[in-house]
């Protein structure tokens, strides 16, 4: 398969700083660009903030997410809620004594 070249413009300082980070991460610019293209092709969106229209959620997706959140139940309040640690220990001690009787 023939390979193609991708050209991008940036400041020399940005390129040098980026290449240093890529080296620390054990990769290089070509591998990163290839992985970016793979992601964009598969997801039809950019993998970072400021994605543009393609990365926004549809009204249906937002409605489904809202319905999911609305369906979540809050845990029942603990009978120890609002008690100090000392009071919790006292209540648990009393419960233990009742269990022995």
Protein backbone atom coordinates (compact mmCIF):
# COMPACT_ATOMS: atom_id res chain seq x y z
CA UNK A 1 0.00 0.00 0.00
CA UNK A 2 1.39 3.40 -0.97
CA UNK A 3 1.90 5.84 1.86
CA UNK A 4 0.81 9.47 1.78
CA UNK A 5 2.33 12.48 3.50
CA UNK A 6 0.35 14.83 5.76
CA UNK A 7 1.71 18.35 6.26
CA UNK A 8 0.83 20.65 9.15
CA UNK A 9 2.07 24.12 10.04
CA UNK A 10 2.98 25.21 13.58
CA UNK A 11 5.69 27.14 15.33
CA UNK A 12 9.07 25.49 15.66
CA UNK A 13 8.79 25.83 19.45
CA UNK A 14 5.49 23.94 19.52
CA UNK A 15 6.92 21.18 17.32
CA UNK A 16 9.99 20.80 19.55
CA UNK A 17 7.93 20.79 22.76
CA UNK A 18 5.48 18.28 21.28
CA UNK A 19 8.25 16.01 20.06
CA UNK A 20 9.82 16.02 23.54
CA UNK A 21 6.50 14.94 25.07
CA UNK A 22 5.98 12.28 22.38
CA UNK A 23 9.44 10.91 23.17
CA UNK A 24 8.59 10.77 26.89
CA UNK A 25 5.42 8.89 25.97
CA UNK A 26 7.32 6.45 23.75
CA UNK A 27 5.77 7.58 20.48
CA UNK A 28 6.35 10.07 17.66
CA UNK A 29 4.41 12.59 15.57
CA UNK A 30 3.68 10.12 12.76
CA UNK A 31 2.19 7.56 15.16
CA UNK A 32 0.11 10.24 16.89
CA UNK A 33 -1.24 11.60 13.60
CA UNK A 34 -2.07 8.08 12.41
CA UNK A 35 -3.94 7.34 15.66
CA UNK A 36 -5.80 10.67 15.34
CA UNK A 37 -6.90 9.77 11.81
CA UNK A 38 -8.00 6.29 12.99
CA UNK A 39 -10.08 7.87 15.76
CA UNK A 40 -11.69 10.45 13.46
CA UNK A 41 -12.53 7.82 10.84
CA UNK A 42 -14.04 5.45 13.41
CA UNK A 43 -15.95 8.03 15.49
CA UNK A 44 -16.59 10.77 12.94
CA UNK A 45 -15.60 13.25 15.66
CA UNK A 46 -12.52 14.82 17.15
CA UNK A 47 -11.22 13.36 20.45
CA UNK A 48 -10.85 16.69 22.25
CA UNK A 49 -12.79 19.77 23.36
CA UNK A 50 -13.99 22.21 20.74
CA UNK A 51 -15.04 19.34 18.55
CA UNK A 52 -17.43 21.29 16.39
CA UNK A 53 -20.84 20.16 15.14
CA UNK A 54 -19.83 16.54 14.54
CA UNK A 55 -18.97 16.04 18.23
CA UNK A 56 -22.19 17.46 19.69
CA UNK A 57 -24.88 15.22 21.12
CA UNK A 58 -28.26 14.92 19.45
CA UNK A 59 -31.45 15.97 21.22
CA UNK A 60 -32.37 12.28 21.44
CA UNK A 61 -29.05 11.41 23.14
CA UNK A 62 -29.49 14.26 25.61
CA UNK A 63 -33.06 13.15 26.37
CA UNK A 64 -31.88 9.57 26.96
CA UNK A 65 -29.14 10.80 29.29
CA UNK A 66 -31.59 13.00 31.20
CA UNK A 67 -34.02 10.07 31.54
CA UNK A 68 -31.22 7.88 32.89
CA UNK A 69 -30.23 10.48 35.46
CA UNK A 70 -33.87 10.98 36.46
CA UNK A 71 -34.30 7.22 36.91
CA UNK A 72 -31.43 6.95 39.39
CA UNK A 73 -32.56 6.46 42.95
CA UNK A 74 -30.97 8.13 45.89
CA UNK A 75 -29.75 5.69 48.53
CA UNK A 76 -31.93 5.35 51.59
CA UNK A 77 -30.65 7.59 54.34
CA UNK A 78 -28.58 5.76 56.90
CA UNK A 79 -29.97 5.56 60.40
CA UNK A 80 -26.58 6.90 61.43
CA UNK A 81 -26.86 10.02 59.26
CA UNK A 82 -26.27 13.12 61.30
CA UNK A 83 -24.87 11.23 64.30
CA UNK A 84 -21.41 11.85 65.65
CA UNK A 85 -18.94 8.98 65.67
CA UNK A 86 -19.42 8.68 69.43
CA UNK A 87 -23.22 8.36 69.00
CA UNK A 88 -22.83 5.80 66.19
CA UNK A 89 -20.63 3.68 68.45
CA UNK A 90 -23.18 3.98 71.27
CA UNK A 91 -26.07 2.90 69.00
CA UNK A 92 -24.08 -0.03 67.61
CA UNK A 93 -23.14 -1.10 71.15
CA UNK A 94 -26.81 -0.99 72.17
CA UNK A 95 -27.74 -3.05 69.08
CA UNK A 96 -25.12 -5.64 70.04
CA UNK A 97 -26.46 -5.85 73.57
CA UNK A 98 -30.03 -6.32 72.28
CA UNK A 99 -28.86 -9.13 70.00
CA UNK A 100 -27.40 -10.98 72.99
CA UNK A 101 -30.69 -10.89 74.93
